[in-house]
Amino acid sequence: MSIPNHLETSEVVLLEMEILLTIVATGAWGGFVSYLLKAKKKISHGTNKSVMSCLTQIVISCFTSFLLSALAIEKELSFNMVLLAAGLGGVFAAPILKLFGDKVRKILEDNKIIK
């Protein structure tokens, strides 16, 4: 598996399906690990609330891992580093999204788009 570089005539990065699925699976695994770290002994077996909380964390982690892996691909990092970024994005989803949100808010405020 290799991550193709940018095409000279286009700014599109083409990903193979197995690479995309690997990135999403790594992010989902990171989300599950994050849920386990946060829940520790509070997990009550058989409740819908804990299952929904776990699935919510996994979805958020998949999104964050996809964002970080896209940044890693943009920086032309190796496949291993892209997977590392996806895994870290999965485990540390909440702080990373807060950081991204703050950066975007600062950019919008600097450009006087929002007050």
C-alpha atoms as a PDB file:
ATOM      1  CA  MET A   1       0.000   0.000   0.000  1.00  0.00           C
ATOM      2  CA  SER A   2       1.247   3.403  -0.845  1.00  0.00           C
ATOM      3  CA  ILE A   3      -0.272   6.806  -0.554  1.00  0.00           C
ATOM      4  CA  PRO A   4      -0.010   8.538  -3.914  1.00  0.00           C
ATOM      5  CA  ASN A   5       1.321  12.064  -4.011  1.00  0.00           C
ATOM      6  CA  HIS A   6      -0.514  14.948  -5.593  1.00  0.00           C
ATOM      7  CA  LEU A   7      -1.043  14.777  -9.307  1.00  0.00           C
ATOM      8  CA  GLU A   8       0.815  17.484 -11.154  1.00  0.00           C
ATOM      9  CA  THR A   9      -2.328  18.708 -12.903  1.00  0.00           C
ATOM     10  CA  SER A  10      -4.663  18.495  -9.931  1.00  0.00           C
ATOM     11  CA  GLU A  11      -4.727  19.052  -6.181  1.00  0.00           C
ATOM     12  CA  VAL A  12      -6.686  15.870  -5.527  1.00  0.00           C
ATOM     13  CA  VAL A  13      -5.192  13.125  -3.379  1.00  0.00           C
ATOM     14  CA  LEU A  14      -6.386   9.699  -4.455  1.00  0.00           C
ATOM     15  CA  LEU A  15      -6.638   7.107  -1.701  1.00  0.00           C
ATOM     16  CA  GLU A  16      -7.078   3.404  -2.143  1.00  0.00           C
ATOM     17  CA  MET A  17     -10.135   1.978  -0.415  1.00  0.00           C
ATOM     18  CA  GLU A  18      -8.057  -0.255   1.863  1.00  0.00           C
ATOM     19  CA  ILE A  19      -6.053   2.749   3.085  1.00  0.00           C
ATOM     20  CA  LEU A  20      -9.242   4.681   3.840  1.00  0.00           C
ATOM     21  CA  LEU A  21     -10.741   1.709   5.693  1.00  0.00           C
ATOM     22  CA  THR A  22      -7.518   1.236   7.655  1.00  0.00           C
ATOM     23  CA  ILE A  23      -7.547   4.885   8.703  1.00  0.00           C
ATOM     24  CA  VAL A  24     -11.201   4.717   9.771  1.00  0.00           C
ATOM     25  CA  ALA A  25     -10.651   1.421  11.626  1.00  0.00           C
ATOM     26  CA  THR A  26      -7.642   2.859  13.439  1.00  0.00           C
ATOM     27  CA  GLY A  27      -9.706   5.896  14.436  1.00  0.00           C
ATOM     28  CA  ALA A  28     -12.552   3.684  15.637  1.00  0.00           C
ATOM     29  CA  TRP A  29     -10.157   1.608  17.706  1.00  0.00           C
ATOM     30  CA  GLY A  30      -8.725   4.813  19.176  1.00  0.00           C
ATOM     31  CA  GLY A  31     -12.255   5.945  20.028  1.00  0.00           C
ATOM     32  CA  PHE A  32     -12.944   2.679  21.825  1.00  0.00           C
ATOM     33  CA  VAL A  33      -9.687   3.033  23.759  1.00  0.00           C
ATOM     34  CA  SER A  34     -10.620   6.615  24.639  1.00  0.00           C
ATOM     35  CA  TYR A  35     -14.020   5.467  25.882  1.00  0.00           C
ATOM     36  CA  LEU A  36     -12.415   2.790  28.039  1.00  0.00           C
ATOM     37  CA  LEU A  37      -9.923   5.275  29.473  1.00  0.00           C
ATOM     38  CA  LYS A  38     -12.693   7.723  30.374  1.00  0.00           C
ATOM     39  CA  ALA A  39     -15.141   5.149  31.686  1.00  0.00           C
ATOM     40  CA  LYS A  40     -12.700   3.011  33.701  1.00  0.00           C
ATOM     41  CA  LYS A  41     -14.870   1.430  36.397  1.00  0.00           C
ATOM     42  CA  LYS A  42     -18.039   3.339  35.567  1.00  0.00           C
ATOM     43  CA  ILE A  43     -19.027   0.910  32.797  1.00  0.00           C
ATOM     44  CA  SER A  44     -22.310  -0.738  33.659  1.00  0.00           C
ATOM     45  CA  HIS A  45     -22.855  -3.858  31.598  1.00  0.00           C
ATOM     46  CA  GLY A  46     -25.986  -4.182  29.521  1.00  0.00           C
ATOM     47  CA  THR A  47     -27.202  -0.588  29.541  1.00  0.00           C
ATOM     48  CA  ASN A  48     -28.164   1.246  26.383  1.00  0.00           C
ATOM     49  CA  LYS A  49     -26.660   4.476  27.688  1.00  0.00           C
ATOM     50  CA  SER A  50     -23.138   3.069  27.890  1.00  0.00           C
ATOM     51  CA  VAL A  51     -23.424   1.481  24.435  1.00  0.00           C
ATOM     52  CA  MET A  52     -24.643   4.755  22.923  1.00  0.00           C
ATOM     53  CA  SER A  53     -21.903   6.660  24.715  1.00  0.00           C
ATOM     54  CA  CYS A  54     -19.292   4.269  23.312  1.00  0.00           C
ATOM     55  CA  LEU A  55     -20.687   4.511  19.767  1.00  0.00           C
ATOM     56  CA  THR A  56     -20.800   8.299  19.995  1.00  0.00           C
ATOM     57  CA  GLN A  57     -17.156   8.382  21.058  1.00  0.00           C
ATOM     58  CA  ILE A  58     -16.221   6.062  18.180  1.00  0.00           C
ATOM     59  CA  VAL A  59     -17.989   8.247  15.583  1.00  0.00           C
ATOM     60  CA  ILE A  60     -16.340  11.425  16.899  1.00  0.00           C
ATOM     61  CA  SER A  61     -12.960   9.677  16.955  1.00  0.00           C
ATOM     62  CA  CYS A  62     -13.357   8.444  13.380  1.00  0.00           C
ATOM     63  CA  PHE A  63     -14.037  12.005  12.219  1.00  0.00           C
ATOM     64  CA  THR A  64     -11.050  13.408  14.086  1.00  0.00           C
ATOM     65  CA  SER A  65      -8.739  10.637  12.910  1.00  0.00           C
ATOM     66  CA  PHE A  66      -9.831  11.288   9.334  1.00  0.00           C
ATOM     67  CA  LEU A  67      -9.000  14.992   9.727  1.00  0.00           C
ATOM     68  CA  LEU A  68      -5.564  14.283  11.201  1.00  0.00           C
ATOM     69  CA  SER A  69      -4.731  11.648   8.620  1.00  0.00           C
ATOM     70  CA  ALA A  70      -5.730  14.084   5.851  1.00  0.00           C
ATOM     71  CA  LEU A  71      -3.284  16.601   7.333  1.00  0.00           C
ATOM     72  CA  ALA A  72      -0.589  13.915   7.496  1.00  0.00           C
ATOM     73  CA  ILE A  73      -1.189  12.984   3.858  1.00  0.00           C
ATOM     74  CA  GLU A  74      -1.062  16.667   2.901  1.00  0.00           C
ATOM     75  CA  LYS A  75       2.341  16.930   4.616  1.00  0.00           C
ATOM     76  CA  GLU A  76       3.428  13.885   2.528  1.00  0.00           C
ATOM     77  CA  LEU A  77       4.215  11.742   5.570  1.00  0.00           C
ATOM     78  CA  SER A  78       4.728   7.992   5.308  1.00  0.00           C
ATOM     79  CA  PHE A  79       1.885   5.493   5.636  1.00  0.00           C
ATOM     80  CA  ASN A  80       3.016   4.574   9.150  1.00  0.00           C
ATOM     81  CA  MET A  81       2.890   8.203  10.238  1.00  0.00           C
ATOM     82  CA  VAL A  82      -0.575   8.579   8.690  1.00  0.00           C
ATOM     83  CA  LEU A  83      -1.751   5.597  10.761  1.00  0.00           C
ATOM     84  CA  LEU A  84      -0.120   7.084  13.846  1.00  0.00           C
ATOM     85  CA  ALA A  85      -1.968  10.353  13.244  1.00  0.00           C
ATOM     86  CA  ALA A  86      -5.230   8.433  12.794  1.00  0.00           C
ATOM     87  CA  GLY A  87      -4.723   6.541  16.042  1.00  0.00           C
ATOM     88  CA  LEU A  88      -3.840   9.663  18.001  1.00  0.00           C
ATOM     89  CA  GLY A  89      -6.822  11.425  16.471  1.00  0.00           C
ATOM     90  CA  GLY A  90      -9.009   8.609  17.708  1.00  0.00           C
ATOM     91  CA  VAL A  91      -7.737   8.610  21.275  1.00  0.00           C
ATOM     92  CA  PHE A  92      -7.458  12.388  21.722  1.00  0.00           C
ATOM     93  CA  ALA A  93     -10.533  13.419  19.712  1.00  0.00           C
ATOM     94  CA  ALA A  94     -12.054  15.925  22.157  1.00  0.00           C
ATOM     95  CA  PRO A  95      -8.904  17.987  22.829  1.00  0.00           C
ATOM     96  CA  ILE A  96      -7.974  17.999  19.137  1.00  0.00           C
ATOM     97  CA  LEU A  97     -11.430  19.174  18.052  1.00  0.00           C
ATOM     98  CA  LYS A  98     -11.330  21.892  20.709  1.00  0.00           C
ATOM     99  CA  LEU A  99      -7.908  23.004  19.418  1.00  0.00           C
ATOM    100  CA  PHE A 100      -9.154  23.036  15.798  1.00  0.00           C
ATOM    101  CA  GLY A 101     -12.259  24.955  16.854  1.00  0.00           C
ATOM    102  CA  ASP A 102     -10.197  27.583  18.651  1.00  0.00           C
ATOM    103  CA  LYS A 103      -7.894  27.993  15.626  1.00  0.00           C
ATOM    104  CA  VAL A 104     -10.823  28.357  13.219  1.00  0.00           C
ATOM    105  CA  ARG A 105     -12.541  30.836  15.564  1.00  0.00           C
ATOM    106  CA  LYS A 106      -9.320  32.897  15.774  1.00  0.00           C
ATOM    107  CA  ILE A 107      -8.969  32.924  11.979  1.00  0.00           C
ATOM    108  CA  LEU A 108     -12.588  34.035  11.572  1.00  0.00           C
ATOM    109  CA  GLU A 109     -12.202  36.743  14.193  1.00  0.00           C
ATOM    110  CA  ASP A 110      -8.961  38.000  12.604  1.00  0.00           C
ATOM    111  CA  ASN A 111     -10.725  38.258   9.242  1.00  0.00           C
ATOM    112  CA  LYS A 112     -13.637  40.023  10.948  1.00  0.00           C
ATOM    113  CA  ILE A 113     -16.109  37.411   9.738  1.00  0.00           C
ATOM    114  CA  ILE A 114     -17.483  36.917  13.251  1.00  0.00           C
ATOM    115  CA  LYS A 115     -17.347  39.241  16.234  1.00  0.00           C
END
